[in-house]
Protein backbone atom coordinates (compact mmCIF):
# COMPACT_ATOMS: atom_id res chain seq x y z
CA MET A 1 123.87 138.69 69.86
CA SER A 2 120.74 136.67 69.13
CA GLU A 3 117.34 137.94 70.20
CA VAL A 4 116.96 135.10 72.69
CA ASN A 5 120.34 135.84 74.32
CA SER A 6 119.50 139.54 74.40
CA GLU A 7 116.23 138.90 76.21
CA LYS A 8 117.98 136.56 78.64
CA LEU A 9 120.65 139.17 79.34
CA GLU A 10 118.02 141.89 79.84
CA SER A 11 116.18 139.66 82.32
CA HIS A 12 119.42 139.02 84.20
CA VAL A 13 120.12 142.76 84.35
CA LEU A 14 116.66 143.43 85.75
CA GLU A 15 117.06 140.71 88.38
CA THR A 16 120.43 142.08 89.47
CA ALA A 17 119.10 145.65 89.69
CA ASN A 18 116.27 144.43 91.89
CA ARG A 19 118.77 142.66 94.11
CA PHE A 20 120.61 145.96 94.43
CA ARG A 21 117.43 147.62 95.67
CA LEU A 22 116.92 144.86 98.18
CA ILE A 23 120.49 145.27 99.47
CA LEU A 24 119.99 149.02 99.87
CA VAL A 25 116.86 148.40 101.89
CA ASP A 26 118.35 145.61 104.01
CA PHE A 27 121.53 147.56 104.82
CA ALA A 28 120.14 151.08 104.96
CA ASP A 29 121.57 151.55 108.44
CA GLU A 30 125.07 150.48 107.39
CA SER A 31 127.81 152.76 106.08
CA GLU A 32 128.07 153.61 102.40
CA GLN A 33 131.28 151.59 102.17
CA THR A 34 129.57 148.50 103.58
CA ARG A 35 126.68 148.86 101.16
CA MET A 36 129.11 149.28 98.27
CA GLU A 37 130.95 146.11 99.29
CA TYR A 38 127.70 144.16 99.22
CA LEU A 39 126.83 145.64 95.84
CA CYS A 40 130.24 144.72 94.45
CA GLU A 41 129.84 141.17 95.74
CA GLU A 42 126.48 141.01 94.01
CA VAL A 43 128.03 142.21 90.75
CA GLU A 44 130.78 139.58 90.98
CA ARG A 45 128.20 136.89 91.66
CA ALA A 46 126.07 138.04 88.75
CA LEU A 47 129.03 138.17 86.33
CA LYS A 48 129.83 134.51 87.00
CA THR A 49 126.59 133.58 85.24
CA VAL A 50 127.25 135.83 82.21
CA LEU A 51 129.27 134.73 79.20
CA PRO A 52 132.65 136.53 78.95
CA ASP A 53 131.79 138.22 75.66
CA GLN A 54 128.58 139.59 77.14
CA ARG A 55 129.94 140.99 80.41
CA ASN A 56 130.67 144.47 79.12
CA GLU A 57 127.18 144.70 77.66
CA PHE A 58 125.75 143.38 80.94
CA LEU A 59 127.58 146.03 83.02
CA LYS A 60 126.55 148.77 80.57
CA LYS A 61 122.86 147.83 80.85
CA LEU A 62 123.14 147.44 84.61
CA MET A 63 124.66 150.89 85.03
CA ALA A 64 121.89 152.36 82.88
CA ARG A 65 119.26 150.85 85.15
CA PHE A 66 121.05 151.27 88.47
CA PRO A 67 123.89 153.83 88.39
CA VAL A 68 125.49 153.23 91.77
CA GLY A 69 129.16 153.76 90.94
CA SER A 70 131.89 152.39 88.72
CA PHE A 71 132.41 148.98 90.42
CA GLY A 72 136.07 149.06 89.53
CA SER A 73 135.99 151.26 86.43
CA LYS A 74 138.29 154.20 85.88
CA PRO A 75 137.81 157.21 88.16
CA LEU A 76 135.56 159.91 86.83
CA PRO A 77 137.12 163.19 85.68
CA LYS A 78 137.76 165.74 88.39
CA GLY A 79 134.75 167.85 89.18
CA LYS A 80 132.29 165.19 88.03
CA THR A 81 130.43 162.80 90.23
CA ALA A 82 128.82 159.52 89.45
CA PRO A 83 125.03 159.46 89.49
CA SER A 84 123.89 158.42 92.88
CA ALA A 85 121.61 155.47 93.61
CA PRO A 86 117.94 156.18 94.26
CA VAL A 87 117.67 157.50 97.78
CA VAL A 88 115.09 155.90 100.07
CA GLU A 89 113.89 158.24 102.77
CA PRO A 90 114.31 156.84 106.32
CA ASP A 91 110.60 157.22 107.00
CA LYS A 92 109.83 155.02 104.00
CA LEU A 93 111.82 152.19 105.56
CA LYS A 94 109.38 152.23 108.46
CA ASP A 95 106.31 152.28 106.21
CA ALA A 96 104.84 148.75 106.10
CA GLU A 97 102.90 149.40 102.88
CA PHE A 98 106.01 150.69 101.09
CA LEU A 99 108.05 147.69 102.22
CA VAL A 100 105.34 145.23 101.15
CA ARG A 101 105.03 146.87 97.73
CA SER A 102 108.81 146.75 97.33
CA LEU A 103 108.89 143.08 98.28
CA LEU A 104 106.07 142.24 95.88
CA ALA A 105 107.83 144.12 93.08
CA ILE A 106 111.00 142.03 93.32
CA THR A 107 109.41 138.69 94.24
CA PRO A 108 109.09 137.48 90.60
CA THR A 109 112.85 137.93 90.15
CA LEU A 110 113.90 136.06 93.29
CA SER A 111 115.31 132.57 93.15
CA GLY A 112 113.69 129.76 95.09
CA GLU A 113 116.41 130.00 97.71
CA ARG A 114 115.88 133.74 98.20
CA LYS A 115 112.09 133.30 98.42
CA GLU A 116 112.57 130.64 101.06
CA TYR A 117 114.84 133.02 102.96
CA VAL A 118 112.20 135.78 102.85
CA VAL A 119 109.43 133.46 104.05
CA LYS A 120 111.63 132.11 106.84
CA SER A 121 112.58 135.63 107.93
CA LEU A 122 108.94 136.72 108.02
CA HIS A 123 108.10 133.65 110.05
CA GLN A 124 110.88 134.37 112.54
CA ALA A 125 109.59 137.92 112.86
CA GLY A 126 106.16 136.63 113.82
CA LEU A 127 104.55 137.48 110.47
CA THR A 128 103.44 133.97 109.60
CA LEU A 129 100.19 133.93 107.65
CA THR A 130 97.15 133.17 109.77
CA PRO A 131 94.83 130.26 108.81
CA LYS A 132 92.18 132.73 107.75
CA ALA A 133 94.58 134.56 105.42
CA GLN A 134 95.77 131.25 103.94
CA GLY A 135 92.28 129.95 103.27
CA HIS A 136 90.40 133.24 102.80
CA TYR A 137 87.64 132.07 105.11
CA SER A 138 84.85 134.54 105.71
CA ASP A 139 83.72 135.14 109.29
CA GLU A 140 80.26 133.90 108.30
CA SER A 141 81.66 130.58 107.05
CA VAL A 142 83.69 130.09 110.21
CA GLN A 143 80.65 130.79 112.39
CA ARG A 144 78.52 128.33 110.40
CA LEU A 145 81.17 125.65 110.81
CA LYS A 146 81.39 126.29 114.54
CA ALA A 147 77.61 126.10 114.83
CA ALA A 148 77.52 122.82 112.89
CA LEU A 149 80.24 121.27 115.08
CA GLN A 150 79.08 123.06 118.26
CA VAL A 151 82.49 124.63 118.84
CA GLY A 152 82.96 127.63 121.10
CA ASP A 153 83.97 131.06 119.79
CA GLY A 154 87.41 131.07 121.36
CA ARG A 155 89.02 128.83 118.74
CA GLY A 156 90.44 129.60 115.30
CA VAL A 157 90.38 127.52 112.13
CA ASP A 158 93.52 125.61 111.18
CA ALA A 159 93.75 125.51 107.38
CA ASP A 160 95.74 122.26 107.18
CA ARG A 161 93.45 120.45 109.61
CA LEU A 162 90.38 121.73 107.80
CA MET A 163 91.79 120.38 104.54
CA GLU A 164 92.48 116.98 106.12
CA LEU A 165 88.95 116.93 107.53
CA SER A 166 87.56 117.78 104.08
CA ILE A 167 89.51 114.88 102.55
CA LEU A 168 88.22 112.42 105.17
CA LEU A 169 84.61 113.56 104.72
CA ALA A 170 84.90 113.51 100.92
CA ASN A 171 86.24 109.93 101.02
CA PHE A 172 83.45 108.92 103.39
CA VAL A 173 80.68 110.36 101.22
CA CYS A 174 82.17 109.18 97.92
CA LYS A 175 82.44 105.58 99.19
CA LEU A 176 79.06 105.56 100.92
CA GLU A 177 77.07 107.01 98.02
CA PRO A 178 77.51 104.16 95.45
CA LEU A 179 76.98 101.54 98.17
CA VAL A 180 73.62 103.01 99.21
CA TRP A 181 72.35 103.45 95.67
CA ASN A 182 73.42 99.92 94.70
CA ILE A 183 71.49 98.53 97.68
CA TRP A 184 68.43 100.53 96.67
CA ARG A 185 68.61 99.34 93.03
CA THR A 186 68.78 95.75 94.31
CA LEU A 187 65.78 96.26 96.58
CA SER A 188 63.67 98.07 93.99
CA PRO A 189 64.95 97.77 90.40
CA ARG A 190 61.87 99.53 88.97
CA SER A 191 61.64 102.34 91.50
CA SER A 192 61.29 105.92 90.26
CA ILE A 193 63.80 107.00 92.91
CA ARG A 194 67.06 107.21 91.01
CA GLN A 195 70.44 108.89 91.41
CA SER A 196 70.58 112.00 89.25
CA VAL A 197 74.32 112.80 89.32
CA SER A 198 77.43 111.61 91.13
CA ILE A 199 78.15 113.57 94.31
CA LYS A 200 81.87 113.02 93.69
CA ASP A 201 81.65 114.88 90.36
CA VAL A 202 79.62 117.74 91.82
CA MET A 203 81.91 118.11 94.83
CA GLY A 204 85.01 118.05 92.64
CA ARG A 205 83.68 120.73 90.29
CA PHE A 206 82.57 122.91 93.20
CA ALA A 207 85.78 122.55 95.22
CA PHE A 208 87.93 123.53 92.26
CA SER A 209 85.80 126.52 91.21
CA GLU A 210 84.11 125.33 88.04
CA PRO A 211 81.42 127.86 87.08
CA ASN A 212 78.65 125.31 86.52
CA ALA A 213 78.90 123.83 90.04
CA SER A 214 77.01 125.43 92.90
CA GLN A 215 76.68 124.93 96.62
CA GLU A 216 72.93 124.49 96.17
CA GLN A 217 73.50 121.53 93.84
CA ILE A 218 75.78 119.82 96.37
CA ASP A 219 73.28 120.54 99.13
CA ASN A 220 70.45 118.96 97.11
CA GLU A 221 72.46 115.84 96.28
CA LEU A 222 73.60 115.38 99.88
CA LYS A 223 70.05 115.81 101.15
CA ALA A 224 68.80 113.23 98.64
CA LEU A 225 71.44 110.75 99.84
CA GLN A 226 70.64 111.59 103.47
CA ARG A 227 66.91 111.01 102.94
CA LEU A 228 67.52 107.68 101.21
CA ILE A 229 69.87 106.45 103.96
CA ALA A 230 67.47 107.59 106.69
CA ALA A 231 64.52 105.95 104.94
CA ILE A 232 66.32 102.61 104.45
CA ILE A 233 67.55 102.53 108.06
CA THR A 234 64.08 103.44 109.36
CA ALA A 235 62.47 100.81 107.13
CA VAL A 236 64.91 98.11 108.28
CA GLY A 237 64.12 98.99 111.87
CA ARG A 238 60.37 98.63 111.29
CA VAL A 239 60.17 95.81 108.78
CA GLY A 240 60.65 93.12 111.43
CA GLY A 241 57.53 94.18 113.31
CA GLN A 242 55.56 94.57 110.09
CA PHE A 243 56.58 91.13 108.84
CA ALA A 244 55.68 89.53 112.19
CA LYS A 245 52.30 91.25 112.13
CA ASN A 246 51.54 90.07 108.59
CA HIS A 247 52.71 86.54 109.38
CA LEU A 248 50.51 86.25 112.45
CA ALA A 249 47.56 87.63 110.54
CA ARG A 250 47.75 84.59 108.25
CA PHE A 251 49.24 81.78 110.32
CA SER A 252 48.28 82.33 113.96
CA PRO A 253 46.05 79.55 115.44
CA SER A 254 43.25 82.00 116.13
CA GLU A 255 43.22 83.32 112.56
CA ILE A 256 43.28 79.84 111.06
CA SER A 257 40.53 78.68 113.44
CA ALA A 258 38.39 81.64 112.43
CA LEU A 259 38.85 80.84 108.74
CA VAL A 260 37.89 77.19 109.27
CA LYS A 261 34.71 78.14 111.11
CA VAL A 262 33.37 80.24 108.25
CA GLU A 263 34.13 77.59 105.65
CA ARG A 264 31.86 74.64 104.95
CA GLY A 265 33.29 71.25 105.71
CA SER A 266 32.43 67.68 106.63
CA VAL A 267 31.02 67.26 110.12
CA LEU A 268 32.89 63.99 110.34
CA VAL A 269 36.26 65.79 110.36
CA SER A 270 37.34 67.35 113.62
CA HIS A 271 37.99 71.06 113.93
CA GLU A 272 41.64 70.43 114.76
CA VAL A 273 42.16 68.42 111.59
CA LYS A 274 40.46 71.13 109.54
CA CYS A 275 42.78 73.75 111.09
CA TRP A 276 45.85 71.70 110.26
CA ARG A 277 44.70 71.24 106.68
CA LYS A 278 44.05 74.99 106.39
CA TYR A 279 47.57 75.74 107.70
CA LEU A 280 49.10 73.34 105.15
CA GLU A 281 47.09 75.06 102.44
CA LEU A 282 48.23 78.56 103.46
CA ALA A 283 51.83 77.50 104.00
CA GLY A 284 52.07 75.87 100.60
CA GLY A 285 53.49 79.04 99.04
CA LEU A 286 55.75 79.80 101.99
CA ASN A 287 59.45 79.43 101.10
CA GLU A 288 62.76 81.29 101.34
CA ASP A 289 62.19 83.31 98.15
CA SER A 290 58.67 84.36 99.07
CA ILE A 291 59.76 85.46 102.56
CA GLU A 292 62.70 87.46 101.13
CA THR A 293 60.41 89.08 98.57
CA GLU A 294 57.92 90.01 101.25
CA ILE A 295 60.62 91.57 103.42
CA ARG A 296 62.03 93.51 100.45
CA ASN A 297 58.59 94.76 99.49
CA SER A 298 58.01 95.91 103.06
CA ILE A 299 61.30 97.83 103.05
CA VAL A 300 60.59 99.39 99.66
CA GLY A 301 57.09 100.38 100.76
CA TYR A 302 58.42 102.11 103.83
CA VAL A 303 61.17 103.89 101.89
CA GLU A 304 58.77 105.08 99.20
CA SER A 305 56.31 106.46 101.77
CA LEU A 306 59.03 108.10 103.87
CA ARG A 307 60.59 109.67 100.79
CA LYS A 308 57.26 111.26 99.94
CA GLY A 309 57.35 113.20 103.17
CA MET A 310 56.25 110.92 105.98
CA GLY A 311 58.57 112.02 108.74
CA LEU A 312 61.39 113.28 106.45
């Protein structure tokens, strides 16, 4: 027998022996005959997956690991008894820790179908994992989330909903971030305020446990984006009043009249004519581009000042 086939056979023997242990635990309250019938059925099922020329070797190895009887072999000589199967004390079958350890020990050998059966059985018994156990959320984290969302203490955290919420928020931030920074670069191409790293990259590295990503780094990047958004929105809200104020300071009738009065001019020209000429002079550089530039400069000025700590 090749080394590969030998290892495969050994693995199959181990899996079958573990199934035997599971049967003995599941049917501990049944008669010995019933348990033996289940064990024989398990042997027959296992032999169907073993090549004919390997079945004797399989049974030999199985008996060495789990000597529970002959399974159809010749009777033992009179006066001799077959080695008995490991006996599980009744009290052990009521010990939750023992049962959990036993289940964990055989889990790697279970098929997908058997694992599904175990999970379904636990669920039916009311042993479904809680959201906290699924997500390993600390009480401190849950309390911080409740405080941020102003949720009362009587509610638990649903892991699936929390994941969906995380996806929605991540999509929101990752789409908003490049939009805001592109707007800022358009408003002020030479500004010293620049994006240091991509929030998407930092969030991805942090969420999937890369060692060089920290919560502090995400917090700093989110605060930088928050400050920029707040500054731009505040500036847009104020720029209209500032532009109007600047415009009136140059083009209001009273301002133009005051300028004309302090300038020398011909006494033969009326004051009204002089005011009109002064307006035409001042308005000569007034066009769409100059107005847009002035508005942009006002926004950039507000953002720069607010970013330095004025109100933020």
